[in-house]
Protein backbone atom coordinates (compact mmCIF):
# COMPACT_ATOMS: atom_id res chain seq x y z
CA MET A 1 3.06 -3.57 21.89
CA ASN A 2 1.58 -4.12 25.31
CA LYS A 3 1.92 -7.83 26.01
CA ILE A 4 1.70 -11.27 24.49
CA GLU A 5 -2.03 -11.62 23.84
CA HIS A 6 -1.99 -15.28 22.86
CA ILE A 7 -0.04 -18.06 21.24
CA GLY A 8 -1.81 -19.80 18.36
CA ILE A 9 -1.36 -23.55 17.95
CA ALA A 10 -2.46 -25.37 14.80
CA VAL A 11 -4.18 -28.69 15.55
CA LYS A 12 -5.73 -31.43 13.44
CA ASN A 13 -8.61 -32.22 15.80
CA LEU A 14 -9.99 -29.49 18.08
CA GLU A 15 -11.97 -31.84 20.32
CA GLU A 16 -8.98 -34.10 21.01
CA SER A 17 -6.68 -31.11 21.47
CA ASN A 18 -9.11 -29.46 23.89
CA GLU A 19 -8.96 -32.62 26.03
CA LEU A 20 -5.17 -32.71 25.84
CA PHE A 21 -4.75 -29.03 26.77
CA GLN A 22 -7.33 -29.34 29.56
CA LYS A 23 -5.15 -32.06 31.09
CA LEU A 24 -1.98 -30.04 30.45
CA LEU A 25 -3.27 -26.74 31.85
CA GLY A 26 -5.59 -28.15 34.51
CA LYS A 27 -8.59 -26.17 33.25
CA ALA A 28 -11.14 -26.30 30.46
CA HIS A 29 -11.24 -24.00 27.46
CA TYR A 30 -13.51 -21.01 27.96
CA LYS A 31 -14.65 -20.44 24.40
CA ILE A 32 -14.97 -22.11 21.01
CA GLU A 33 -15.53 -19.83 18.04
CA GLU A 34 -15.70 -20.28 14.28
CA VAL A 35 -14.05 -17.70 12.04
CA ALA A 36 -15.71 -18.72 8.79
CA THR A 37 -13.86 -16.15 6.67
CA GLU A 38 -10.56 -17.83 7.62
CA GLY A 39 -11.84 -21.41 7.49
CA VAL A 40 -10.98 -22.10 11.11
CA ASN A 41 -12.49 -23.14 14.43
CA THR A 42 -10.74 -21.72 17.47
CA SER A 43 -10.69 -22.66 21.13
CA PHE A 44 -9.26 -20.46 23.88
CA PHE A 45 -7.61 -21.32 27.19
CA LYS A 46 -6.73 -18.65 29.74
CA VAL A 47 -3.19 -19.03 31.12
CA GLY A 48 -2.45 -16.30 33.65
CA GLU A 49 -2.77 -12.97 31.84
CA ASN A 50 -2.32 -14.65 28.46
CA LYS A 51 -4.21 -17.11 26.29
CA VAL A 52 -3.55 -20.16 24.18
CA GLU A 53 -5.60 -20.38 20.99
CA LEU A 54 -6.06 -23.75 19.33
CA LEU A 55 -6.82 -23.53 15.60
CA GLU A 56 -8.48 -26.29 13.56
CA ALA A 57 -9.03 -25.97 9.82
CA THR A 58 -12.59 -26.21 8.53
CA ARG A 59 -11.54 -26.07 4.86
CA GLU A 60 -8.69 -27.72 2.96
CA ASP A 61 -7.73 -24.36 1.42
CA SER A 62 -7.44 -22.52 4.75
CA ALA A 63 -4.12 -21.18 6.04
CA ILE A 64 -4.26 -23.62 8.98
CA ALA A 65 -4.82 -26.64 6.72
CA LYS A 66 -1.88 -25.56 4.55
CA PHE A 67 0.29 -24.98 7.62
CA ILE A 68 -0.45 -28.44 9.06
CA GLU A 69 0.11 -30.08 5.67
CA LYS A 70 3.50 -28.38 5.34
CA ARG A 71 4.74 -28.40 8.95
CA GLY A 72 2.41 -30.54 11.03
CA GLU A 73 0.70 -29.52 14.24
CA GLY A 74 2.40 -26.97 16.45
CA VAL A 75 2.94 -23.32 17.20
CA HIS A 76 1.42 -21.29 14.36
CA HIS A 77 1.74 -17.69 15.54
CA ILE A 78 2.35 -15.35 18.44
CA ALA A 79 -0.06 -12.47 18.97
CA PHE A 80 0.71 -9.16 20.62
CA ALA A 81 -1.88 -6.79 22.08
CA VAL A 82 -1.75 -3.22 20.77
CA ASP A 83 -3.76 -0.12 21.62
CA ASP A 84 -3.93 1.31 18.08
CA ILE A 85 -3.61 -1.38 15.44
CA GLU A 86 -3.62 1.02 12.48
CA ALA A 87 -0.79 3.12 13.96
CA GLU A 88 1.18 -0.06 14.75
CA MET A 89 0.62 -1.38 11.23
CA LYS A 90 1.95 1.88 9.77
CA ARG A 91 4.94 1.88 12.12
CA LEU A 92 5.87 -1.70 11.25
CA ALA A 93 5.39 -1.17 7.50
CA ASP A 94 7.64 1.90 7.73
CA GLU A 95 10.22 -0.30 9.51
CA GLY A 96 10.18 -2.69 6.53
CA PHE A 97 7.91 -5.46 7.82
CA ARG A 98 5.59 -7.06 5.26
CA LEU A 99 1.96 -6.97 6.39
CA LEU A 100 -0.37 -9.71 5.18
CA ASN A 101 -3.39 -7.44 5.12
CA ASP A 102 -3.78 -3.75 4.28
CA ARG A 103 -6.42 -3.04 6.90
CA PRO A 104 -7.26 -4.55 10.27
CA LYS A 105 -9.90 -7.24 10.02
CA ARG A 106 -12.20 -8.99 12.43
CA GLY A 107 -10.63 -12.02 14.11
CA ALA A 108 -11.66 -14.39 16.87
CA ASP A 109 -12.30 -13.30 20.46
CA ASN A 110 -13.68 -9.88 19.41
CA LYS A 111 -10.36 -8.62 18.08
CA LEU A 112 -9.20 -6.55 15.16
CA VAL A 113 -6.16 -8.31 13.73
CA CYS A 114 -3.32 -7.97 11.26
CA PHE A 115 -0.56 -10.46 10.48
CA ILE A 116 3.09 -9.83 9.71
CA HIS A 117 4.72 -12.15 7.18
CA PRO A 118 7.10 -14.61 8.86
CA LYS A 119 9.79 -13.99 6.23
CA THR A 120 10.23 -10.50 7.67
CA ALA A 121 10.12 -11.61 11.34
CA ASN A 122 12.76 -14.37 11.61
CA GLY A 123 10.32 -17.07 10.51
CA VAL A 124 7.65 -16.18 13.09
CA LEU A 125 4.09 -15.35 12.02
CA VAL A 126 3.21 -12.35 14.19
CA GLU A 127 -0.36 -11.22 14.82
CA LEU A 128 -1.33 -7.78 16.10
CA CYS A 129 -4.54 -7.71 18.16
CA GLN A 130 -6.69 -4.82 19.30
CA ASP A 131 -9.94 -5.15 21.22
CA ALA A 132 -12.66 -4.48 18.66
CA GLY A 133 -15.33 -3.11 20.95
CA ASP A 134 -18.42 -2.45 18.85
CA GLU A 135 -16.47 -1.57 15.70
CA ARG A 136 -17.32 -3.45 12.52
CA PRO A 137 -14.37 -2.99 10.13
CA GLU A 138 -14.47 -3.99 6.52
CA THR A 139 -12.87 -7.35 5.85
CA GLY A 140 -9.33 -6.92 4.58
CA ASP A 141 -7.56 -9.22 2.19
CA GLU A 142 -5.19 -11.71 3.79
CA SER A 143 -3.28 -14.58 2.39
CA GLU A 144 -1.00 -16.29 4.89
CA GLU A 145 1.85 -17.74 2.91
């Protein structure tokens, strides 16, 4: 893993949270993006070499809606940049980590992503991120629990 790519924060209202984080960080978000397959709107702030991703549910059955219902707003996941997501997925599975999807899938910010179940990572939902380039992978199955 190369670096922390971003920290994901679940929020109830993206517009209000964008205003709050703009005040907190002293700069505006640089991108808002919908990931319809996950039922989420995202907003990104650049913080040094890293990013903060705000996540707002667009459907009641989305992982973010379920997270907020269970735990409230707050840190949802930490994402790490990797050079070869498939090799890293295999390595982590071989080490006993439970992956939430069998194949990398398209995520926000032009990334291929895979999540590691928090029960196998001390309660932390971990996301692996690789720059997608022009690749168009098939959508993998994911069910954040």
